[in-house]
Amino acid sequence: MNRVEKDVLFYVLNSTNTEARQTFLSKLIKKIWVEKRMCDVRFDNEQEAQRYDLTLWNIQPQSFIPHSVAKHIPSAPIQLYGETIAHPCKDVLINLHPRFPTEFSGYQRTIEILDQSDYLIQMGRERWKAYKAQGIEPTVHKIGF
């Protein structure tokens, strides 16, 4: 049986600033888009997905990243979701939700972005344990340390 390895990355930022986490997310999404990959971004709720949608629209016009909220534009390579992902792209999942993404196994790569806030670190540790329990060894990248 040929088992496809799942790639799980944790990016840990040396900041407690929500804007720093959002800026890092934007850079990551741009890189994914430049690599011509598909990406689903799972937020804590629909309102956060809508709020981030406005952020992407306000990036400089020459840096626009084609995206949609919850598949309103089905062909957009970047999809922003609240807690539930209705139509997974199966390529890259960025999980910003504090709870473990049970749908991660349907993706080639799952990315977790944490900052130094106590809540995100605590919930990140729980997700780390959940990945380990699934037989996945996540890779950690510390940013700004």
Protein backbone atom coordinates (compact mmCIF):
# COMPACT_ATOMS: atom_id res chain seq x y z
CA MET A 1 0.00 0.00 0.00
CA ASN A 2 1.43 3.38 -1.02
CA ARG A 3 0.67 5.81 1.78
CA VAL A 4 0.86 9.54 1.03
CA GLU A 5 2.70 11.39 3.77
CA LYS A 6 0.85 14.37 5.22
CA ASP A 7 2.89 17.51 5.71
CA VAL A 8 1.97 19.48 8.86
CA LEU A 9 3.78 22.75 9.61
CA PHE A 10 3.54 24.91 12.72
CA TYR A 11 4.69 28.51 12.31
CA VAL A 12 5.26 30.05 15.74
CA LEU A 13 5.59 33.84 15.70
CA ASN A 14 7.55 35.77 18.33
CA SER A 15 4.68 38.20 18.93
CA THR A 16 1.33 38.49 20.67
CA ASN A 17 0.15 41.01 18.09
CA THR A 18 -2.92 39.90 16.09
CA GLU A 19 -1.84 42.15 13.20
CA ALA A 20 1.55 40.40 13.01
CA ARG A 21 -0.22 37.06 12.70
CA GLN A 22 -2.49 38.46 9.98
CA THR A 23 0.50 39.96 8.12
CA PHE A 24 2.26 36.58 8.24
CA LEU A 25 -0.91 34.90 6.97
CA SER A 26 -1.05 37.32 4.03
CA LYS A 27 2.59 36.60 3.10
CA LEU A 28 1.96 32.88 3.34
CA ILE A 29 -1.17 33.07 1.17
CA LYS A 30 0.69 35.12 -1.42
CA LYS A 31 3.48 32.51 -1.53
CA ILE A 32 0.93 29.70 -1.93
CA TRP A 33 -0.79 31.60 -4.74
CA VAL A 34 2.52 32.35 -6.52
CA GLU A 35 3.29 28.61 -6.34
CA LYS A 36 -0.06 28.06 -8.14
CA ARG A 37 -1.43 25.96 -5.31
CA MET A 38 -4.97 25.86 -3.95
CA CYS A 39 -5.60 26.79 -0.32
CA ASP A 40 -8.45 26.70 2.17
CA VAL A 41 -8.11 28.98 5.20
CA ARG A 42 -10.14 27.89 8.24
CA PHE A 43 -10.95 30.75 10.61
CA ASP A 44 -12.53 30.57 14.05
CA ASN A 45 -15.86 31.73 12.60
CA GLU A 46 -17.52 33.20 9.50
CA GLN A 47 -17.12 36.80 10.76
CA GLU A 48 -13.33 36.41 10.93
CA ALA A 49 -13.30 35.01 7.39
CA GLN A 50 -15.35 38.02 6.20
CA ARG A 51 -13.06 40.44 8.06
CA TYR A 52 -9.95 38.89 6.49
CA ASP A 53 -11.65 39.02 3.07
CA LEU A 54 -11.68 42.82 3.42
CA THR A 55 -7.97 42.75 4.29
CA LEU A 56 -7.16 40.87 1.09
CA TRP A 57 -9.23 43.32 -0.97
CA ASN A 58 -7.32 46.25 0.55
CA ILE A 59 -3.87 44.94 -0.40
CA GLN A 60 -2.21 46.98 -3.17
CA PRO A 61 -3.95 46.36 -6.52
CA GLN A 62 -0.76 45.01 -8.09
CA SER A 63 -0.62 42.39 -5.31
CA PHE A 64 -4.22 41.20 -5.52
CA ILE A 65 -4.74 37.56 -4.57
CA PRO A 66 -7.79 35.87 -6.14
CA HIS A 67 -9.92 34.56 -3.30
CA SER A 68 -13.47 33.95 -2.17
CA VAL A 69 -15.37 33.46 1.07
CA ALA A 70 -16.91 29.98 1.37
CA LYS A 71 -16.85 29.21 -2.38
CA HIS A 72 -18.90 32.20 -3.51
CA ILE A 73 -16.46 32.25 -6.45
CA PRO A 74 -15.83 28.51 -6.93
CA SER A 75 -12.78 28.92 -9.16
CA ALA A 76 -10.83 31.17 -6.75
CA PRO A 77 -7.59 29.43 -5.69
CA ILE A 78 -7.81 30.78 -2.12
CA GLN A 79 -10.98 30.03 -0.15
CA LEU A 80 -11.77 31.56 3.25
CA TYR A 81 -14.05 29.60 5.57
CA GLY A 82 -15.48 29.83 9.05
CA GLU A 83 -15.29 26.69 11.17
CA THR A 84 -16.70 24.34 8.52
CA ILE A 85 -15.08 23.76 5.14
CA ALA A 86 -17.84 22.77 2.75
CA HIS A 87 -15.75 22.01 -0.35
CA PRO A 88 -12.12 21.15 0.52
CA CYS A 89 -9.51 21.91 -2.16
CA LYS A 90 -7.37 18.96 -0.94
CA ASP A 91 -4.09 20.86 -1.47
CA VAL A 92 -3.21 23.26 1.39
CA LEU A 93 -5.16 23.93 4.60
CA ILE A 94 -4.24 26.86 6.81
CA ASN A 95 -5.90 26.29 10.17
CA LEU A 96 -6.43 29.42 12.25
CA HIS A 97 -9.20 27.79 14.25
CA PRO A 98 -8.20 26.89 17.82
CA ARG A 99 -9.62 23.37 17.52
CA PHE A 100 -8.07 20.43 15.66
CA PRO A 101 -9.07 20.29 11.97
CA THR A 102 -10.42 16.75 11.59
CA GLU A 103 -10.49 17.28 7.82
CA PHE A 104 -6.69 17.75 7.70
CA SER A 105 -6.15 14.22 6.38
CA GLY A 106 -7.77 15.23 3.09
CA TYR A 107 -5.04 17.81 2.41
CA GLN A 108 -1.46 17.45 1.19
CA ARG A 109 -0.25 20.13 3.61
CA THR A 110 -1.72 21.60 6.78
CA ILE A 111 -0.33 24.82 8.24
CA GLU A 112 -0.92 26.10 11.76
CA ILE A 113 -0.01 29.72 12.65
CA LEU A 114 0.50 30.50 16.34
CA ASP A 115 1.64 33.61 18.14
CA GLN A 116 2.77 33.92 21.76
CA SER A 117 -0.68 34.55 23.25
CA ASP A 118 -1.38 32.06 26.04
CA TYR A 119 -4.61 30.81 24.47
CA LEU A 120 -3.11 30.14 21.02
CA ILE A 121 -0.07 28.40 22.52
CA GLN A 122 -2.28 26.22 24.74
CA MET A 123 -4.63 25.28 21.89
CA GLY A 124 -1.65 24.76 19.55
CA ARG A 125 -0.19 22.25 22.00
CA GLU A 126 -3.50 20.38 21.98
CA ARG A 127 -3.52 20.27 18.17
CA TRP A 128 0.15 19.18 18.17
CA LYS A 129 -0.79 16.22 20.41
CA ALA A 130 -3.73 15.39 18.13
CA TYR A 131 -1.46 15.30 15.05
CA LYS A 132 1.01 13.09 16.93
CA ALA A 133 -1.84 10.76 17.90
CA GLN A 134 -2.60 10.47 14.15
CA GLY A 135 1.00 9.40 13.51
CA ILE A 136 2.06 12.78 12.10
CA GLU A 137 5.33 14.44 13.12
CA PRO A 138 4.72 18.20 12.62
CA THR A 139 7.57 20.50 11.61
CA VAL A 140 8.03 23.69 13.61
CA HIS A 141 9.30 26.97 12.17
CA LYS A 142 9.98 29.70 14.72
CA ILE A 143 9.65 33.16 13.19
CA GLY A 144 11.38 36.19 14.73
CA PHE A 145 13.10 34.41 17.64
